[in-house]
Amino acid sequence: MPTDHYAVLRALLRAEAARNAPKPQAKQEKPQQPTQKRTGS
């Protein structure tokens, strides 16, 4: 089945952009992830 590869890439980019877009109703008072110091070995 022939598929437009660029259309697939555009759809993936749109989905990723929508997923990473900041939510307007979300409050940024608390950080999403707790900050922890990583100790590398």
Protein backbone atom coordinates (compact mmCIF):
# COMPACT_ATOMS: atom_id res chain seq x y z
CA MET A 1 0.00 0.00 0.00
CA PRO A 2 1.70 3.25 -1.08
CA THR A 3 1.98 5.88 1.63
CA ASP A 4 3.13 9.47 1.53
CA HIS A 5 6.11 9.30 3.87
CA TYR A 6 6.20 13.06 4.32
CA ALA A 7 2.55 13.08 5.39
CA VAL A 8 3.38 10.48 8.02
CA LEU A 9 6.32 12.57 9.26
CA ARG A 10 4.18 15.71 9.39
CA ALA A 11 1.52 13.88 11.40
CA LEU A 12 4.14 12.63 13.84
CA LEU A 13 5.58 16.12 14.24
CA ARG A 14 2.12 17.60 14.83
CA ALA A 15 1.34 14.95 17.44
CA GLU A 16 4.66 15.51 19.21
CA ALA A 17 4.20 19.29 19.16
CA ALA A 18 0.68 18.96 20.57
CA ARG A 19 1.93 16.60 23.26
CA ASN A 20 4.74 18.96 24.32
CA ALA A 21 2.70 22.16 24.10
CA PRO A 22 2.25 23.91 27.46
CA LYS A 23 -1.25 23.65 28.82
CA PRO A 24 -2.82 27.10 29.38
CA GLN A 25 -4.80 25.97 32.44
CA ALA A 26 -1.82 24.23 34.04
CA LYS A 27 -0.22 26.19 36.85
CA GLN A 28 3.56 26.32 36.83
CA GLU A 29 3.88 26.94 40.59
CA LYS A 30 5.31 23.51 41.33
CA PRO A 31 7.92 21.88 39.09
CA GLN A 32 6.69 18.88 37.12
CA GLN A 33 9.63 16.74 38.18
CA PRO A 34 11.42 16.93 41.50
CA THR A 35 14.94 18.19 41.10
CA GLN A 36 17.51 15.69 42.27
CA LYS A 37 21.25 15.82 42.06
CA ARG A 38 22.58 12.92 40.04
CA THR A 39 25.85 11.42 41.03
CA GLY A 40 27.59 9.91 38.06
CA SER A 41 30.24 7.26 38.46
